[in-house]
Amino acid sequence: MLAHAADKGLQERACGVLRNLTTSSVQNESRAFNAGAIEAVVAAMSVHADCALVQETASAAMRNLTSGNVKYIARAGLSGAVEALVEAMRRHTESPGVQSSAMSALYFLTEDNVENKTRALHAGAKRLAKAALKAHPSNKRVVREARDLLMQIG
């Protein structure tokens, strides 16, 4: 991913592969973590900040890469994942897919992690989650993820 950072299509597909490989697979999560996948996903989000498809897929990958693992969650926070996810929400307010995927990832990154919760609040996650509720009131997934995130970050 890092060798072809400018290739938007490759980044979207690579994030999709990471999302799929790390769904319910602790072994694959560990391999991806050790290979620097968290940092690669953050880089993809930064380089392709204006591409909703990359943001949505990368957000889902980040959720799967980090969910339930304290070490991975901490690394993601230090790598700029929280800020990248909030920026995705900020840039793609019209996309329910980006909104729901980013909020889901933020939920797991802020669960029992005060540093990431603080990062999310400072980056504007609370305001953006409220805005997502207003922008997508009929999208059940956005509503669920927004409410969960708002309860999580206070």
Protein backbone atom coordinates (compact mmCIF):
# COMPACT_ATOMS: atom_id res chain seq x y z
CA MET A 1 0.00 0.00 0.00
CA LEU A 2 2.75 2.43 0.91
CA ALA A 3 4.65 1.80 -2.32
CA HIS A 4 1.61 2.82 -4.39
CA ALA A 5 0.10 5.46 -2.14
CA ALA A 6 -1.02 7.65 -5.06
CA ASP A 7 -3.09 4.90 -6.71
CA LYS A 8 -6.60 5.59 -5.42
CA GLY A 9 -8.10 2.39 -6.85
CA LEU A 10 -5.37 0.24 -5.36
CA GLN A 11 -5.79 1.88 -1.95
CA GLU A 12 -9.55 1.30 -1.97
CA ARG A 13 -9.10 -2.35 -2.97
CA ALA A 14 -6.27 -2.91 -0.47
CA CYS A 15 -8.35 -1.44 2.35
CA GLY A 16 -11.21 -3.70 1.27
CA VAL A 17 -8.93 -6.73 1.39
CA LEU A 18 -7.70 -5.74 4.86
CA ARG A 19 -11.30 -5.26 5.99
CA ASN A 20 -12.23 -8.73 4.75
CA LEU A 21 -9.12 -10.51 6.00
CA THR A 22 -9.45 -9.10 9.50
CA THR A 23 -13.15 -9.81 9.93
CA SER A 24 -13.30 -12.23 12.88
CA SER A 25 -9.69 -13.38 12.46
CA VAL A 26 -7.34 -12.63 15.33
CA GLN A 27 -4.47 -14.27 13.45
CA ASN A 28 -4.96 -12.02 10.42
CA GLU A 29 -5.36 -8.96 12.65
CA SER A 30 -2.00 -9.78 14.24
CA ARG A 31 -0.29 -10.27 10.87
CA ALA A 32 -1.74 -7.03 9.54
CA PHE A 33 -0.73 -5.15 12.69
CA ASN A 34 2.84 -6.47 12.50
CA ALA A 35 3.03 -5.53 8.81
CA GLY A 36 2.08 -1.89 9.54
CA ALA A 37 -1.48 -2.04 8.22
CA ILE A 38 -2.78 0.56 10.67
CA GLU A 39 -0.27 3.13 9.45
CA ALA A 40 -0.91 2.17 5.82
CA VAL A 41 -4.66 2.70 6.24
CA VAL A 42 -4.11 6.09 7.89
CA ALA A 43 -1.81 7.04 5.00
CA ALA A 44 -4.44 5.98 2.45
CA MET A 45 -7.03 8.10 4.26
CA SER A 46 -4.69 11.10 4.29
CA VAL A 47 -3.58 10.86 0.65
CA HIS A 48 -7.11 10.24 -0.66
CA ALA A 49 -9.06 12.41 1.77
CA ASP A 50 -11.42 13.58 -0.99
CA CYS A 51 -12.38 10.09 -2.16
CA ALA A 52 -15.46 8.85 -0.31
CA LEU A 53 -14.96 5.24 -1.41
CA VAL A 54 -11.43 5.11 0.01
CA GLN A 55 -12.64 6.74 3.23
CA GLU A 56 -15.53 4.33 3.69
CA THR A 57 -13.44 1.24 2.97
CA ALA A 58 -10.50 2.44 5.04
CA SER A 59 -12.79 3.23 7.99
CA ALA A 60 -14.21 -0.30 7.89
CA ALA A 61 -10.70 -1.73 7.68
CA MET A 62 -9.60 0.35 10.68
CA ARG A 63 -12.58 -0.90 12.68
CA ASN A 64 -11.67 -4.52 11.94
CA LEU A 65 -7.95 -3.99 12.46
CA THR A 66 -8.41 -2.58 15.94
CA SER A 67 -11.68 -3.78 17.46
CA GLY A 68 -11.19 -5.38 20.83
CA ASN A 69 -7.39 -5.14 21.01
CA VAL A 70 -6.05 -2.55 23.44
CA LYS A 71 -2.56 -2.56 21.90
CA TYR A 72 -3.87 -2.04 18.37
CA ILE A 73 -6.28 0.68 19.51
CA ALA A 74 -3.44 2.57 21.20
CA ARG A 75 -1.24 2.28 18.11
CA ALA A 76 -4.06 3.52 15.90
CA GLY A 77 -4.50 6.57 18.13
CA LEU A 78 -0.80 7.37 18.02
CA SER A 79 -0.80 6.89 14.24
CA GLY A 80 -3.44 9.55 13.63
CA ALA A 81 -6.37 7.21 12.95
CA VAL A 82 -8.81 9.13 15.16
CA GLU A 83 -8.10 12.41 13.40
CA ALA A 84 -8.25 10.73 9.96
CA LEU A 85 -11.67 9.23 10.76
CA VAL A 86 -13.04 12.54 12.01
CA GLU A 87 -11.67 14.27 8.89
CA ALA A 88 -13.44 11.68 6.73
CA MET A 89 -16.71 12.55 8.49
CA ARG A 90 -16.03 16.26 8.01
CA ARG A 91 -15.28 15.97 4.28
CA HIS A 92 -18.02 13.50 3.38
CA THR A 93 -21.10 14.66 5.22
CA GLU A 94 -23.27 13.61 2.25
CA SER A 95 -22.12 9.99 2.34
CA PRO A 96 -24.00 7.75 4.79
CA GLY A 97 -21.46 5.00 4.12
CA VAL A 98 -18.52 7.15 5.19
CA GLN A 99 -20.43 8.51 8.16
CA SER A 100 -21.49 5.11 9.50
CA SER A 101 -18.13 3.39 8.86
CA ALA A 102 -16.12 6.21 10.41
CA MET A 103 -18.37 6.43 13.46
CA SER A 104 -18.21 2.67 13.95
CA ALA A 105 -14.42 2.74 13.85
CA LEU A 106 -14.34 5.73 16.22
CA TYR A 107 -16.61 3.89 18.62
CA PHE A 108 -14.12 1.03 18.92
CA LEU A 109 -11.09 3.33 19.04
CA THR A 110 -12.57 5.32 21.92
CA GLU A 111 -13.86 2.36 23.91
CA ASP A 112 -11.90 2.25 27.18
CA ASN A 113 -9.21 4.54 25.72
CA VAL A 114 -9.19 8.00 27.30
CA GLU A 115 -6.49 9.32 24.96
CA ASN A 116 -8.45 8.40 21.83
CA LYS A 117 -11.67 9.73 23.34
CA THR A 118 -9.92 13.04 24.00
CA ARG A 119 -8.53 13.06 20.45
CA ALA A 120 -11.99 12.44 19.03
CA LEU A 121 -13.59 15.21 21.08
CA HIS A 122 -10.86 17.71 20.18
CA ALA A 123 -11.14 16.81 16.50
CA GLY A 124 -14.91 17.48 16.52
CA ALA A 125 -16.37 13.96 16.49
CA LYS A 126 -19.27 14.88 18.78
CA ARG A 127 -20.44 17.77 16.59
CA LEU A 128 -20.05 15.69 13.43
CA ALA A 129 -21.98 12.73 14.88
CA LYS A 130 -24.84 15.10 15.72
CA ALA A 131 -24.65 16.53 12.20
CA ALA A 132 -24.78 13.01 10.73
CA LEU A 133 -27.98 12.34 12.68
CA LYS A 134 -29.55 15.45 11.17
CA ALA A 135 -28.25 14.79 7.65
CA HIS A 136 -29.28 11.12 7.51
CA PRO A 137 -32.29 10.69 9.84
CA SER A 138 -33.78 7.84 7.78
CA ASN A 139 -30.57 5.81 7.52
CA LYS A 140 -30.79 3.26 10.34
CA ARG A 141 -27.09 2.44 10.32
CA VAL A 142 -26.03 6.10 10.53
CA VAL A 143 -28.53 6.72 13.33
CA ARG A 144 -27.35 3.66 15.27
CA GLU A 145 -23.63 4.43 14.86
CA ALA A 146 -24.11 8.12 15.70
CA ARG A 147 -26.07 7.35 18.86
CA ASP A 148 -23.54 4.72 19.94
CA LEU A 149 -20.61 7.06 19.33
CA LEU A 150 -22.29 9.94 21.16
CA MET A 151 -22.95 7.70 24.17
CA GLN A 152 -19.33 6.50 24.04
CA ILE A 153 -17.64 9.89 23.89
CA GLY A 154 -20.13 11.74 26.07
